[in-house]
Structure formats: C-alpha cells, structure tokens
Amino acid sequence: MWPFRTGKRRDDADVGSRGEALARSFLKKQGLKILAENYRCASGEIDLIALDSRDNAADVLAFVEVKTRTSAEHSQPEAAVHWRKKKRIRSAAAHYLARHAAQDLDIRYDIVTVLLDQDPPRINHMTGAF
C-alpha cells in the first residue's frame, strides 16, 4: 500500500455519490426525466442526462454535471467546472447524441450544486450553465 494514502479518496466518492443521488431526486421532483446516470465514453463522463419536457416548447436534453461539497468554505462547487471539464462534457454529449440518434433535440448543459453543510442540503440547479 502507498505509504501516504490517507483514505480521503473513499470519503470523496461517498460525498459525490450522495450528491448525485440528491441531485437526481431533485431533478425528478422538478419534472425532469432521468435518461442516464454516469454516462461514460472515451471522451469523458456525464453525471446525469435528463429530458426536460416541462415547457410547452420542444423537449430539451440536459447534460448535467453534479458538484457536491461538504462546505463552501474554500470555493463554490460550480467553480470546479473549469474549461477542460466543460470540453470533456461536450465531447461526451456529442458521443451520446450520435449513439442515440438524438441530434435533432435541443440540448443544454446544466450544473447542479449540492452543499451538505446544512440539513436539508442546499441544492442549486443552474440551467444552461455553459
């Protein structure tokens, strides 16, 4: 075993999984239909893919990045969605669209932030974030 391992990585995974579950539940309550979770391909990963049919206009396919933090003491969760992350999400979204013959749908990129420093956790859904 690596001598400097602190075990923190496991805790981070638990926080991330909890945040994704809370985000998924939140989006469902808002009327979005979850189509895929943790979609992975060679170009990247998308936490959630959801269909938004709430408006009377055309359906919108939302590619959702979930960022979870135990506090916002050092930075806001959405600050972690930097240009490289956005590029990987866009590439993975293009892969998803091509594989599912969904190129004709309107799309958007959302961020859902989850702060676990309160009970209940604070959830913020930023539609069309990038």
Foldseek 3Di string as FASTA:
>chain_A
DPPVDDVVVVVVVVQVVVQLVVVVVVVVVVPWAWDDAQDDDPLATFGTWTWDPPDVDFIEIEGEAEFEDQACVPHFRVVVCDPSNVVSSVVSVVVVCVVVVNPPHHYAYKYWYWHNNDVVIDIDIGTRPD
